[in-house]
Amino acid sequence: MKLSPSKLNSFLMLKLPSAWLCGVRVKHIDATECAVGVKHKWINQNPFNSMYFAVQAMAAELSTGALVMNKIQASNKKISMLVAQNKAEFTKKATGKIRFTCFDGNKVNEALQKTIETGEGQTFWMKSVGVNEDGVDVAVFEFEWTVKLKSKK
């Protein structure tokens, strides 16, 4: 079963309700990229009249994690995934509609192949860039993902 924006958004509502309530929504996903949108509104604001950084982090992480989930599902293997580290840089206030896009889907392939072949965990970094409606970058997030073949018990 291929992941789609509607399936991922239903997953958000059921498994990550705080992201769903804050307006985080998958807009596009394919083999190499994923775009996630979120709009600045009362529920996700900070005291400085912009979007709270944690809401931006949820959207950015989802744009990377959905690609990892998609590749794991396509592998037909039981593989765990987890964020080990993240970095963020904020360059402009996040107001209006923000779109976080990750173009690093191909980075997942090599890590999954290695973990399947060796049984050892693998790590890799993925980047998501948040852009406002004017096309201006507001934030750049990087996430270090770990993947590991689940042991048979």
Protein backbone atom coordinates (compact mmCIF):
# COMPACT_ATOMS: atom_id res chain seq x y z
CA MET A 1 0.00 0.00 0.00
CA LYS A 2 1.52 3.28 -1.13
CA LEU A 3 1.36 6.21 1.29
CA SER A 4 -0.65 9.20 0.14
CA PRO A 5 -1.27 12.62 1.67
CA SER A 6 -4.78 11.58 2.77
CA LYS A 7 -3.51 8.37 4.43
CA LEU A 8 -0.73 10.28 6.19
CA ASN A 9 -3.15 12.99 7.36
CA SER A 10 -5.48 10.32 8.77
CA PHE A 11 -2.46 8.79 10.51
CA LEU A 12 -1.71 12.24 12.00
CA MET A 13 -5.22 12.59 13.37
CA LEU A 14 -5.09 9.17 15.02
CA LYS A 15 -1.45 8.86 16.13
CA LEU A 16 -0.13 12.45 16.34
CA PRO A 17 -3.17 14.48 17.32
CA SER A 18 -1.18 17.50 18.54
CA ALA A 19 0.30 17.95 15.05
CA TRP A 20 -3.11 17.49 13.47
CA LEU A 21 -4.76 20.00 15.84
CA CYS A 22 -2.03 22.55 15.08
CA GLY A 23 -2.84 22.28 11.36
CA VAL A 24 0.10 20.21 10.12
CA ARG A 25 -0.91 18.50 6.85
CA VAL A 26 0.92 16.49 4.20
CA LYS A 27 0.45 18.15 0.82
CA HIS A 28 2.59 15.94 -1.45
CA ILE A 29 4.68 12.77 -1.26
CA ASP A 30 6.52 10.70 -3.85
CA ALA A 31 9.69 8.59 -3.89
CA THR A 32 12.08 11.53 -3.48
CA GLU A 33 10.21 14.42 -1.89
CA CYS A 34 7.57 15.28 0.65
CA ALA A 35 5.89 18.63 1.31
CA VAL A 36 4.03 19.45 4.52
CA GLY A 37 2.02 22.62 5.07
CA VAL A 38 0.99 24.47 8.21
CA LYS A 39 -0.72 27.84 8.63
CA HIS A 40 0.04 30.30 11.43
CA LYS A 41 -3.07 30.63 13.59
CA TRP A 42 -4.08 31.04 17.22
CA ILE A 43 -3.58 27.37 18.20
CA ASN A 44 0.07 27.30 17.04
CA GLN A 45 1.28 30.80 17.86
CA ASN A 46 4.03 31.98 20.16
CA PRO A 47 4.00 35.24 22.19
CA PHE A 48 5.81 37.03 19.34
CA ASN A 49 2.94 36.77 16.85
CA SER A 50 4.49 34.01 14.77
CA MET A 51 4.37 30.23 14.62
CA TYR A 52 5.76 28.38 17.65
CA PHE A 53 9.03 26.63 16.81
CA ALA A 54 7.75 23.22 17.95
CA VAL A 55 4.93 23.34 15.38
CA GLN A 56 7.49 24.11 12.69
CA ALA A 57 9.56 21.18 13.96
CA MET A 58 6.55 18.84 13.73
CA ALA A 59 5.92 19.84 10.12
CA ALA A 60 9.59 19.62 9.18
CA GLU A 61 10.06 16.24 10.87
CA LEU A 62 6.97 14.86 9.13
CA SER A 63 8.34 15.91 5.73
CA THR A 64 11.42 13.75 6.37
CA GLY A 65 9.80 10.96 8.38
CA ALA A 66 7.03 10.32 5.85
CA LEU A 67 9.71 9.58 3.26
CA VAL A 68 11.37 7.11 5.64
CA MET A 69 8.01 5.47 6.43
CA ASN A 70 7.22 5.21 2.72
CA LYS A 71 10.53 3.48 1.92
CA ILE A 72 10.26 1.12 4.90
CA GLN A 73 6.76 0.13 3.83
CA ALA A 74 7.96 -0.50 0.27
CA SER A 75 10.79 -2.75 1.54
CA ASN A 76 8.30 -5.22 3.08
CA LYS A 77 10.70 -5.62 6.04
CA LYS A 78 10.14 -4.89 9.71
CA ILE A 79 12.41 -1.89 10.29
CA SER A 80 12.34 0.55 13.18
CA MET A 81 12.95 4.27 12.71
CA LEU A 82 13.80 6.97 15.21
CA VAL A 83 15.16 10.52 15.23
CA ALA A 84 18.53 10.58 16.99
CA GLN A 85 19.34 14.30 16.64
CA ASN A 86 18.02 17.44 15.04
CA LYS A 87 19.28 20.91 14.22
CA ALA A 88 17.30 24.00 13.30
CA GLU A 89 18.01 27.46 11.97
CA PHE A 90 15.33 30.15 11.98
CA THR A 91 15.83 33.01 9.53
CA LYS A 92 12.47 34.83 9.49
CA LYS A 93 9.25 34.93 11.51
CA ALA A 94 6.92 32.16 10.40
CA THR A 95 3.57 33.77 9.63
CA GLY A 96 0.91 32.88 7.08
CA LYS A 97 1.17 29.56 5.26
CA ILE A 98 4.49 27.74 5.62
CA ARG A 99 5.50 24.75 3.48
CA PHE A 100 8.26 22.43 4.66
CA THR A 101 9.77 20.36 1.87
CA CYS A 102 12.32 17.55 1.98
CA PHE A 103 14.00 16.36 -1.22
CA ASP A 104 16.14 13.66 0.43
CA GLY A 105 14.11 10.53 -0.31
CA ASN A 106 17.04 8.92 -2.10
CA LYS A 107 19.17 9.09 1.06
CA VAL A 108 16.87 6.55 2.70
CA ASN A 109 17.47 3.83 0.08
CA GLU A 110 21.14 3.24 0.89
CA ALA A 111 20.58 3.15 4.65
CA LEU A 112 17.70 0.68 4.34
CA GLN A 113 19.68 -1.54 1.99
CA LYS A 114 22.64 -1.61 4.41
CA THR A 115 20.51 -2.35 7.46
CA ILE A 116 18.71 -5.17 5.62
CA GLU A 117 22.01 -6.67 4.37
CA THR A 118 23.97 -6.36 7.64
CA GLY A 119 21.29 -6.29 10.33
CA GLU A 120 23.14 -3.30 11.81
CA GLY A 121 21.52 0.05 12.48
CA GLN A 122 22.23 2.90 10.08
CA THR A 123 22.04 6.67 10.48
CA PHE A 124 21.58 9.43 7.92
CA TRP A 125 20.69 13.13 7.86
CA MET A 126 17.72 14.63 6.03
CA LYS A 127 16.95 18.33 5.51
CA SER A 128 13.62 20.14 5.37
CA VAL A 129 13.30 23.78 4.33
CA GLY A 130 10.35 25.91 5.42
CA VAL A 131 9.24 28.57 2.96
CA ASN A 132 6.52 31.20 3.39
CA GLU A 133 3.94 32.31 0.82
CA ASP A 134 6.39 34.86 -0.61
CA GLY A 135 8.97 32.15 -1.30
CA VAL A 136 11.23 33.29 1.54
CA ASP A 137 12.98 30.68 3.67
CA VAL A 138 11.84 30.90 7.30
CA ALA A 139 13.57 27.85 8.76
CA VAL A 140 15.85 24.94 7.92
CA PHE A 141 15.64 21.74 9.94
CA GLU A 142 17.95 18.76 9.76
CA PHE A 143 17.08 15.39 11.30
CA GLU A 144 19.40 12.47 11.90
CA TRP A 145 17.32 9.33 11.38
CA THR A 146 18.28 5.87 12.59
CA VAL A 147 16.92 2.71 10.99
CA LYS A 148 17.40 -0.84 12.17
CA LEU A 149 16.06 -4.21 11.18
CA LYS A 150 13.79 -5.49 13.93
CA SER A 151 15.05 -8.71 15.46
CA LYS A 152 12.97 -11.85 15.17
CA LYS A 153 11.82 -13.03 18.60
